[in-house]
Amino acid sequence: MDLAELVYESVKDLPQSAAQEVLDFAHFLAQRQASREDRDLMLAQQSALADWDNSDDDAWNDAPAV
């Protein structure tokens, strides 16, 4: 039995209100994971952009856009 089936088996006999709490918690965990991934991506972008912000690259500041 895989994990999703184990979760289902654990929840299926609960009263509707308790099953709704489990579902709400699962949604909360998914949202928290997505927020962490977004934060990690932003932090990675910030450190990458710091590499491009240096005096050697100032010559490109006035380059025309293509």
C-alpha atoms as a PDB file:
ATOM      1  CA  MET A   1       0.000   0.000   0.000  1.00  0.00           C
ATOM      2  CA  ASP A   2       1.464   3.386  -0.962  1.00  0.00           C
ATOM      3  CA  LEU A   3       1.418   6.454   1.255  1.00  0.00           C
ATOM      4  CA  ALA A   4      -1.642   8.048  -0.386  1.00  0.00           C
ATOM      5  CA  GLU A   5      -3.604   4.869   0.236  1.00  0.00           C
ATOM      6  CA  LEU A   6      -2.480   4.794   3.868  1.00  0.00           C
ATOM      7  CA  VAL A   7      -3.644   8.378   4.316  1.00  0.00           C
ATOM      8  CA  TYR A   8      -6.967   7.543   2.694  1.00  0.00           C
ATOM      9  CA  GLU A   9      -7.448   4.487   4.907  1.00  0.00           C
ATOM     10  CA  SER A  10      -6.697   6.596   7.982  1.00  0.00           C
ATOM     11  CA  VAL A  11      -9.149   9.338   7.022  1.00  0.00           C
ATOM     12  CA  LYS A  12     -12.060   7.532   5.391  1.00  0.00           C
ATOM     13  CA  ASP A  13     -13.777   6.529   8.642  1.00  0.00           C
ATOM     14  CA  LEU A  14     -13.404   9.906  10.339  1.00  0.00           C
ATOM     15  CA  PRO A  15     -16.411  12.159  10.784  1.00  0.00           C
ATOM     16  CA  GLN A  16     -16.758  14.722   7.971  1.00  0.00           C
ATOM     17  CA  SER A  17     -15.556  17.610  10.139  1.00  0.00           C
ATOM     18  CA  ALA A  18     -12.393  15.738  11.144  1.00  0.00           C
ATOM     19  CA  ALA A  19     -11.752  14.672   7.544  1.00  0.00           C
ATOM     20  CA  GLN A  20     -12.108  18.332   6.515  1.00  0.00           C
ATOM     21  CA  GLU A  21      -9.467  19.266   9.094  1.00  0.00           C
ATOM     22  CA  VAL A  22      -7.106  16.686   7.598  1.00  0.00           C
ATOM     23  CA  LEU A  23      -7.742  18.092   4.122  1.00  0.00           C
ATOM     24  CA  ASP A  24      -7.206  21.659   5.331  1.00  0.00           C
ATOM     25  CA  PHE A  25      -3.934  20.608   6.944  1.00  0.00           C
ATOM     26  CA  ALA A  26      -2.784  18.896   3.746  1.00  0.00           C
ATOM     27  CA  HIS A  27      -3.522  22.108   1.821  1.00  0.00           C
ATOM     28  CA  PHE A  28      -1.614  24.097   4.447  1.00  0.00           C
ATOM     29  CA  LEU A  29       1.418  21.812   4.085  1.00  0.00           C
ATOM     30  CA  ALA A  30       1.334  22.126   0.294  1.00  0.00           C
ATOM     31  CA  GLN A  31       1.120  25.929   0.523  1.00  0.00           C
ATOM     32  CA  ARG A  32       3.973  26.063   3.034  1.00  0.00           C
ATOM     33  CA  GLN A  33       6.148  23.947   0.729  1.00  0.00           C
ATOM     34  CA  ALA A  34       5.345  26.192  -2.238  1.00  0.00           C
ATOM     35  CA  SER A  35       6.221  29.269  -0.149  1.00  0.00           C
ATOM     36  CA  ARG A  36       9.564  27.734   0.820  1.00  0.00           C
ATOM     37  CA  GLU A  37      10.341  26.939  -2.810  1.00  0.00           C
ATOM     38  CA  ASP A  38       9.456  30.517  -3.826  1.00  0.00           C
ATOM     39  CA  ARG A  39      11.651  31.917  -1.044  1.00  0.00           C
ATOM     40  CA  ASP A  40      14.558  29.667  -2.000  1.00  0.00           C
ATOM     41  CA  LEU A  41      14.248  30.740  -5.636  1.00  0.00           C
ATOM     42  CA  MET A  42      14.249  34.422  -4.688  1.00  0.00           C
ATOM     43  CA  LEU A  43      17.320  33.951  -2.497  1.00  0.00           C
ATOM     44  CA  ALA A  44      19.116  32.140  -5.311  1.00  0.00           C
ATOM     45  CA  GLN A  45      18.251  34.943  -7.723  1.00  0.00           C
ATOM     46  CA  GLN A  46      19.496  37.592  -5.308  1.00  0.00           C
ATOM     47  CA  SER A  47      22.878  35.918  -4.908  1.00  0.00           C
ATOM     48  CA  ALA A  48      23.170  35.428  -8.668  1.00  0.00           C
ATOM     49  CA  LEU A  49      22.336  39.076  -9.327  1.00  0.00           C
ATOM     50  CA  ALA A  50      24.981  40.160  -6.831  1.00  0.00           C
ATOM     51  CA  ASP A  51      27.591  38.576  -9.092  1.00  0.00           C
ATOM     52  CA  TRP A  52      26.461  40.847 -11.948  1.00  0.00           C
ATOM     53  CA  ASP A  53      26.479  44.056  -9.930  1.00  0.00           C
ATOM     54  CA  ASN A  54      30.127  45.110 -10.093  1.00  0.00           C
ATOM     55  CA  SER A  55      32.207  47.942 -11.522  1.00  0.00           C
ATOM     56  CA  ASP A  56      33.511  45.768 -14.378  1.00  0.00           C
ATOM     57  CA  ASP A  57      29.993  45.614 -15.787  1.00  0.00           C
ATOM     58  CA  ASP A  58      29.338  49.377 -15.628  1.00  0.00           C
ATOM     59  CA  ALA A  59      30.239  49.644 -19.330  1.00  0.00           C
ATOM     60  CA  TRP A  60      27.018  47.783 -20.116  1.00  0.00           C
ATOM     61  CA  ASN A  61      24.751  50.165 -18.239  1.00  0.00           C
ATOM     62  CA  ASP A  62      24.213  52.398 -21.287  1.00  0.00           C
ATOM     63  CA  ALA A  63      24.048  49.635 -23.887  1.00  0.00           C
ATOM     64  CA  PRO A  64      20.937  49.830 -26.072  1.00  0.00           C
ATOM     65  CA  ALA A  65      18.300  47.167 -25.590  1.00  0.00           C
ATOM     66  CA  VAL A  66      17.866  44.703 -28.399  1.00  0.00           C
END
